[in-house]
C-alpha atoms as a PDB file:
ATOM      1  CA  UNK A   1      38.138 141.331  -0.996  1.00  0.00           C
ATOM      2  CA  UNK A   2      35.968 138.549  -0.002  1.00  0.00           C
ATOM      3  CA  UNK A   3      36.546 135.288  -1.572  1.00  0.00           C
ATOM      4  CA  UNK A   4      33.692 132.813  -2.118  1.00  0.00           C
ATOM      5  CA  UNK A   5      34.642 129.231  -2.755  1.00  0.00           C
ATOM      6  CA  UNK A   6      32.079 127.595  -5.172  1.00  0.00           C
ATOM      7  CA  UNK A   7      34.400 124.996  -6.544  1.00  0.00           C
ATOM      8  CA  UNK A   8      32.440 122.179  -4.542  1.00  0.00           C
ATOM      9  CA  UNK A   9      29.205 123.254  -5.938  1.00  0.00           C
ATOM     10  CA  UNK A  10      30.295 123.520  -9.455  1.00  0.00           C
ATOM     11  CA  UNK A  11      31.629 119.920  -9.279  1.00  0.00           C
ATOM     12  CA  UNK A  12      28.263 118.672  -7.911  1.00  0.00           C
ATOM     13  CA  UNK A  13      26.383 120.427 -10.618  1.00  0.00           C
ATOM     14  CA  UNK A  14      28.715 118.935 -13.162  1.00  0.00           C
ATOM     15  CA  UNK A  15      27.943 115.454 -11.822  1.00  0.00           C
ATOM     16  CA  UNK A  16      24.319 116.123 -11.856  1.00  0.00           C
ATOM     17  CA  UNK A  17      24.375 117.269 -15.487  1.00  0.00           C
ATOM     18  CA  UNK A  18      26.147 113.997 -16.432  1.00  0.00           C
ATOM     19  CA  UNK A  19      23.665 111.994 -14.679  1.00  0.00           C
ATOM     20  CA  UNK A  20      20.728 114.097 -16.235  1.00  0.00           C
ATOM     21  CA  UNK A  21      22.241 113.607 -19.736  1.00  0.00           C
ATOM     22  CA  UNK A  22      22.325 109.708 -19.109  1.00  0.00           C
ATOM     23  CA  UNK A  23      18.673 109.914 -17.791  1.00  0.00           C
ATOM     24  CA  UNK A  24      17.584 111.666 -21.005  1.00  0.00           C
ATOM     25  CA  UNK A  25      19.330 109.320 -23.360  1.00  0.00           C
ATOM     26  CA  UNK A  26      17.952 106.236 -21.615  1.00  0.00           C
ATOM     27  CA  UNK A  27      14.447 107.713 -21.394  1.00  0.00           C
ATOM     28  CA  UNK A  28      14.307 108.416 -25.114  1.00  0.00           C
ATOM     29  CA  UNK A  29      15.204 104.775 -25.547  1.00  0.00           C
ATOM     30  CA  UNK A  30      12.194 103.810 -23.521  1.00  0.00           C
ATOM     31  CA  UNK A  31      10.001 106.134 -25.315  1.00  0.00           C
ATOM     32  CA  UNK A  32      10.883 105.016 -28.839  1.00  0.00           C
ATOM     33  CA  UNK A  33      10.432 101.404 -27.692  1.00  0.00           C
ATOM     34  CA  UNK A  34       6.949 102.331 -26.332  1.00  0.00           C
ATOM     35  CA  UNK A  35       5.859 103.612 -29.653  1.00  0.00           C
ATOM     36  CA  UNK A  36       7.066 100.439 -31.449  1.00  0.00           C
ATOM     37  CA  UNK A  37       5.422  98.224 -28.765  1.00  0.00           C
ATOM     38  CA  UNK A  38       2.036  99.961 -29.135  1.00  0.00           C
ATOM     39  CA  UNK A  39       2.252  99.589 -32.974  1.00  0.00           C
ATOM     40  CA  UNK A  40       2.973  95.933 -32.565  1.00  0.00           C
ATOM     41  CA  UNK A  41       0.076  95.549 -30.003  1.00  0.00           C
ATOM     42  CA  UNK A  42      -2.215  97.214 -32.637  1.00  0.00           C
ATOM     43  CA  UNK A  43      -1.147  94.746 -35.330  1.00  0.00           C
ATOM     44  CA  UNK A  44      -1.698  91.890 -32.872  1.00  0.00           C
ATOM     45  CA  UNK A  45       1.998  91.025 -33.179  1.00  0.00           C
ATOM     46  CA  UNK A  46       1.923  89.966 -29.318  1.00  0.00           C
ATOM     47  CA  UNK A  47       5.298  88.304 -29.174  1.00  0.00           C
ATOM     48  CA  UNK A  48       6.916  91.246 -30.632  1.00  0.00           C
ATOM     49  CA  UNK A  49       5.198  93.741 -28.323  1.00  0.00           C
ATOM     50  CA  UNK A  50       5.978  91.464 -25.251  1.00  0.00           C
ATOM     51  CA  UNK A  51       9.635  91.401 -26.098  1.00  0.00           C
ATOM     52  CA  UNK A  52       9.845  95.272 -26.486  1.00  0.00           C
ATOM     53  CA  UNK A  53       7.948  95.683 -23.369  1.00  0.00           C
ATOM     54  CA  UNK A  54      10.116  93.440 -21.505  1.00  0.00           C
ATOM     55  CA  UNK A  55      13.209  95.442 -22.874  1.00  0.00           C
ATOM     56  CA  UNK A  56      11.510  98.586 -21.713  1.00  0.00           C
ATOM     57  CA  UNK A  57      11.176  97.170 -18.248  1.00  0.00           C
ATOM     58  CA  UNK A  58      14.885  96.298 -18.150  1.00  0.00           C
ATOM     59  CA  UNK A  59      15.717  99.937 -19.449  1.00  0.00           C
ATOM     60  CA  UNK A  60      13.557 101.388 -16.684  1.00  0.00           C
ATOM     61  CA  UNK A  61      15.061  99.386 -14.000  1.00  0.00           C
ATOM     62  CA  UNK A  62      18.595 100.650 -15.146  1.00  0.00           C
ATOM     63  CA  UNK A  63      17.085 104.138 -15.259  1.00  0.00           C
ATOM     64  CA  UNK A  64      15.933 103.905 -11.683  1.00  0.00           C
ATOM     65  CA  UNK A  65      19.391 102.727 -10.593  1.00  0.00           C
ATOM     66  CA  UNK A  66      20.920 105.782 -12.443  1.00  0.00           C
ATOM     67  CA  UNK A  67      18.385 108.137 -10.896  1.00  0.00           C
ATOM     68  CA  UNK A  68      19.395 106.901  -7.347  1.00  0.00           C
ATOM     69  CA  UNK A  69      22.683 108.732  -8.029  1.00  0.00           C
ATOM     70  CA  UNK A  70      20.611 112.009  -8.019  1.00  0.00           C
ATOM     71  CA  UNK A  71      17.037 111.363  -6.735  1.00  0.00           C
ATOM     72  CA  UNK A  72      15.726 114.838  -7.769  1.00  0.00           C
ATOM     73  CA  UNK A  73      16.048 113.472 -11.356  1.00  0.00           C
ATOM     74  CA  UNK A  74      12.974 111.318 -10.556  1.00  0.00           C
ATOM     75  CA  UNK A  75      10.966 114.407 -11.211  1.00  0.00           C
ATOM     76  CA  UNK A  76      12.848 115.179 -14.557  1.00  0.00           C
ATOM     77  CA  UNK A  77      10.208 115.544 -17.516  1.00  0.00           C
ATOM     78  CA  UNK A  78      11.529 113.085 -19.857  1.00  0.00           C
ATOM     79  CA  UNK A  79      11.847 110.280 -17.129  1.00  0.00           C
ATOM     80  CA  UNK A  80       8.228 110.916 -16.144  1.00  0.00           C
ATOM     81  CA  UNK A  81       7.226 110.621 -19.853  1.00  0.00           C
ATOM     82  CA  UNK A  82       9.267 107.426 -20.233  1.00  0.00           C
ATOM     83  CA  UNK A  83       7.389 105.738 -17.261  1.00  0.00           C
ATOM     84  CA  UNK A  84       4.088 106.994 -18.721  1.00  0.00           C
ATOM     85  CA  UNK A  85       4.842 105.495 -22.017  1.00  0.00           C
ATOM     86  CA  UNK A  86       5.825 102.297 -20.345  1.00  0.00           C
ATOM     87  CA  UNK A  87       2.507 102.103 -18.437  1.00  0.00           C
ATOM     88  CA  UNK A  88       0.619 102.958 -21.680  1.00  0.00           C
ATOM     89  CA  UNK A  89       2.426 100.172 -23.795  1.00  0.00           C
ATOM     90  CA  UNK A  90       2.089  97.653 -21.033  1.00  0.00           C
ATOM     91  CA  UNK A  91      -1.590  98.500 -20.498  1.00  0.00           C
ATOM     92  CA  UNK A  92      -2.445  98.228 -24.281  1.00  0.00           C
ATOM     93  CA  UNK A  93      -0.612  94.799 -24.455  1.00  0.00           C
ATOM     94  CA  UNK A  94      -2.408  93.590 -21.393  1.00  0.00           C
ATOM     95  CA  UNK A  95      -5.688  94.673 -22.695  1.00  0.00           C
ATOM     96  CA  UNK A  96      -5.027  93.194 -26.216  1.00  0.00           C
ATOM     97  CA  UNK A  97      -3.981  89.832 -24.653  1.00  0.00           C
ATOM     98  CA  UNK A  98      -6.465  89.561 -21.683  1.00  0.00           C
ATOM     99  CA  UNK A  99      -8.988  92.349 -21.992  1.00  0.00           C
ATOM    100  CA  UNK A 100      -7.807  93.830 -18.639  1.00  0.00           C
ATOM    101  CA  UNK A 101      -6.238  97.127 -17.392  1.00  0.00           C
ATOM    102  CA  UNK A 102      -3.171  96.791 -15.432  1.00  0.00           C
ATOM    103  CA  UNK A 103      -3.144  97.464 -11.752  1.00  0.00           C
ATOM    104  CA  UNK A 104      -0.604  99.880 -10.043  1.00  0.00           C
ATOM    105  CA  UNK A 105       2.636  98.590  -8.658  1.00  0.00           C
ATOM    106  CA  UNK A 106       5.790 100.029  -7.333  1.00  0.00           C
ATOM    107  CA  UNK A 107       7.460  99.333 -10.675  1.00  0.00           C
ATOM    108  CA  UNK A 108       5.769 102.357 -11.983  1.00  0.00           C
ATOM    109  CA  UNK A 109       7.736 104.625  -9.708  1.00  0.00           C
ATOM    110  CA  UNK A 110       5.038 107.015  -8.745  1.00  0.00           C
ATOM    111  CA  UNK A 111       1.204 106.557  -8.775  1.00  0.00           C
ATOM    112  CA  UNK A 112       0.791 109.783 -10.721  1.00  0.00           C
ATOM    113  CA  UNK A 113       3.030 108.500 -13.366  1.00  0.00           C
ATOM    114  CA  UNK A 114       0.807 105.410 -13.608  1.00  0.00           C
ATOM    115  CA  UNK A 115      -2.444 107.338 -13.785  1.00  0.00           C
ATOM    116  CA  UNK A 116      -1.141 109.542 -16.531  1.00  0.00           C
ATOM    117  CA  UNK A 117      -0.047 106.455 -18.590  1.00  0.00           C
ATOM    118  CA  UNK A 118      -3.644 105.044 -17.979  1.00  0.00           C
ATOM    119  CA  UNK A 119      -5.107 108.172 -19.128  1.00  0.00           C
ATOM    120  CA  UNK A 120      -2.878 108.098 -22.240  1.00  0.00           C
ATOM    121  CA  UNK A 121      -4.254 104.517 -22.931  1.00  0.00           C
ATOM    122  CA  UNK A 122      -7.621 105.931 -23.811  1.00  0.00           C
ATOM    123  CA  UNK A 123      -6.462 107.388 -27.193  1.00  0.00           C
ATOM    124  CA  UNK A 124      -4.840 103.918 -28.074  1.00  0.00           C
ATOM    125  CA  UNK A 125      -7.998 102.079 -27.119  1.00  0.00           C
ATOM    126  CA  UNK A 126     -10.039 104.355 -29.318  1.00  0.00           C
ATOM    127  CA  UNK A 127      -7.545 103.565 -32.189  1.00  0.00           C
ATOM    128  CA  UNK A 128      -7.737  99.844 -31.453  1.00  0.00           C
ATOM    129  CA  UNK A 129     -11.545 100.021 -31.422  1.00  0.00           C
ATOM    130  CA  UNK A 130     -11.615 101.855 -34.877  1.00  0.00           C
ATOM    131  CA  UNK A 131      -9.188  99.357 -36.367  1.00  0.00           C
ATOM    132  CA  UNK A 132     -11.130  96.433 -34.955  1.00  0.00           C
ATOM    133  CA  UNK A 133     -14.176  97.851 -36.526  1.00  0.00           C
ATOM    134  CA  UNK A 134     -12.551  98.230 -39.821  1.00  0.00           C
ATOM    135  CA  UNK A 135     -11.560  94.624 -39.562  1.00  0.00           C
ATOM    136  CA  UNK A 136     -15.122  93.718 -38.765  1.00  0.00           C
ATOM    137  CA  UNK A 137     -14.431  92.672 -35.229  1.00  0.00           C
ATOM    138  CA  UNK A 138     -17.278  94.824 -33.811  1.00  0.00           C
ATOM    139  CA  UNK A 139     -17.349  92.908 -30.485  1.00  0.00           C
ATOM    140  CA  UNK A 140     -13.762  94.274 -29.697  1.00  0.00           C
ATOM    141  CA  UNK A 141     -15.015  97.880 -30.312  1.00  0.00           C
ATOM    142  CA  UNK A 142     -17.967  97.176 -27.786  1.00  0.00           C
ATOM    143  CA  UNK A 143     -15.540  95.561 -25.305  1.00  0.00           C
ATOM    144  CA  UNK A 144     -13.162  98.524 -25.585  1.00  0.00           C
ATOM    145  CA  UNK A 145     -15.995 100.935 -25.008  1.00  0.00           C
ATOM    146  CA  UNK A 146     -17.061  99.214 -21.900  1.00  0.00           C
ATOM    147  CA  UNK A 147     -13.561  99.079 -20.449  1.00  0.00           C
ATOM    148  CA  UNK A 148     -12.836 102.723 -21.313  1.00  0.00           C
ATOM    149  CA  UNK A 149     -16.008 103.716 -19.523  1.00  0.00           C
ATOM    150  CA  UNK A 150     -15.170 101.658 -16.391  1.00  0.00           C
ATOM    151  CA  UNK A 151     -11.755 103.313 -16.362  1.00  0.00           C
ATOM    152  CA  UNK A 152     -13.315 106.702 -16.628  1.00  0.00           C
ATOM    153  CA  UNK A 153     -15.677 105.894 -13.782  1.00  0.00           C
ATOM    154  CA  UNK A 154     -12.889 104.781 -11.598  1.00  0.00           C
ATOM    155  CA  UNK A 155     -10.746 107.838 -12.359  1.00  0.00           C
ATOM    156  CA  UNK A 156     -13.741 110.150 -11.740  1.00  0.00           C
ATOM    157  CA  UNK A 157     -13.537 109.131  -8.088  1.00  0.00           C
ATOM    158  CA  UNK A 158     -10.303 111.233  -7.901  1.00  0.00           C
ATOM    159  CA  UNK A 159     -10.233 114.914  -7.042  1.00  0.00           C
ATOM    160  CA  UNK A 160      -7.660 115.966  -9.697  1.00  0.00           C
ATOM    161  CA  UNK A 161      -6.520 119.511  -9.367  1.00  0.00           C
ATOM    162  CA  UNK A 162      -5.718 121.550 -12.392  1.00  0.00           C
ATOM    163  CA  UNK A 163      -2.471 120.284 -13.902  1.00  0.00           C
ATOM    164  CA  UNK A 164      -1.262 117.808 -16.370  1.00  0.00           C
ATOM    165  CA  UNK A 165      -3.024 114.792 -14.676  1.00  0.00           C
ATOM    166  CA  UNK A 166      -6.308 116.740 -14.939  1.00  0.00           C
ATOM    167  CA  UNK A 167      -5.879 117.452 -18.479  1.00  0.00           C
ATOM    168  CA  UNK A 168      -5.171 113.880 -19.417  1.00  0.00           C
ATOM    169  CA  UNK A 169      -8.038 112.554 -17.396  1.00  0.00           C
ATOM    170  CA  UNK A 170     -10.307 115.111 -19.119  1.00  0.00           C
ATOM    171  CA  UNK A 171      -9.084 113.703 -22.442  1.00  0.00           C
ATOM    172  CA  UNK A 172     -10.677 110.374 -21.589  1.00  0.00           C
ATOM    173  CA  UNK A 173     -14.050 112.127 -21.819  1.00  0.00           C
ATOM    174  CA  UNK A 174     -13.350 112.890 -25.564  1.00  0.00           C
ATOM    175  CA  UNK A 175     -12.075 109.400 -26.073  1.00  0.00           C
ATOM    176  CA  UNK A 176     -15.286 107.868 -24.626  1.00  0.00           C
ATOM    177  CA  UNK A 177     -17.383 110.323 -26.961  1.00  0.00           C
ATOM    178  CA  UNK A 178     -15.464 109.029 -29.877  1.00  0.00           C
ATOM    179  CA  UNK A 179     -16.193 105.538 -28.982  1.00  0.00           C
ATOM    180  CA  UNK A 180     -19.903 106.404 -28.223  1.00  0.00           C
ATOM    181  CA  UNK A 181     -20.068 107.682 -31.793  1.00  0.00           C
ATOM    182  CA  UNK A 182     -18.394 104.596 -33.223  1.00  0.00           C
ATOM    183  CA  UNK A 183     -20.802 102.271 -31.391  1.00  0.00           C
ATOM    184  CA  UNK A 184     -23.806 104.283 -32.462  1.00  0.00           C
ATOM    185  CA  UNK A 185     -22.715 104.056 -36.029  1.00  0.00           C
ATOM    186  CA  UNK A 186     -22.282 100.295 -35.749  1.00  0.00           C
ATOM    187  CA  UNK A 187     -25.795  99.992 -34.268  1.00  0.00           C
ATOM    188  CA  UNK A 188     -27.258 102.060 -36.916  1.00  0.00           C
ATOM    189  CA  UNK A 189     -25.677  99.860 -39.573  1.00  0.00           C
ATOM    190  CA  UNK A 190     -26.814  96.746 -37.671  1.00  0.00           C
ATOM    191  CA  UNK A 191     -23.250  95.524 -37.113  1.00  0.00           C
ATOM    192  CA  UNK A 192     -23.843  95.016 -33.389  1.00  0.00           C
END
């Protein structure tokens, strides 16, 4: 009879599972905070959004430290989503405050996570443009349309293969179409 000793592997897998569970819990916290920060930014509650984004940044820094224990968890789906949500919330806040799109930095872990977050920003910008129009801030809708078009043009310089990033990038085309329709309607009603 041949005996195979697998106890060491079992222990390592157990450690990985504990770290994975911690990553999942902490990532969910970031995702929830992102949704709240995005809502605050839409309502122009800037200080609340800033506070939430700052908390998300701290949570992500702790998450990155946790992941150092098991680097392969960097590619865990929920961690990737947490970073994307952080990028999206931070980007919307920066746009609402300064009319700018944030640049890439190492804080975003991976350029692909950053790009996915930027692609997700398109939907939030459409929402902001519609809400601005409802509140008769038509200039903001035009500004958002110009910014999203610039983002789309910059992203079109990439050769995205089929996959999640490609699908998110393609979504910006539809967001831009919605803004084109909104701007057209505003022009037809002599609002801009």
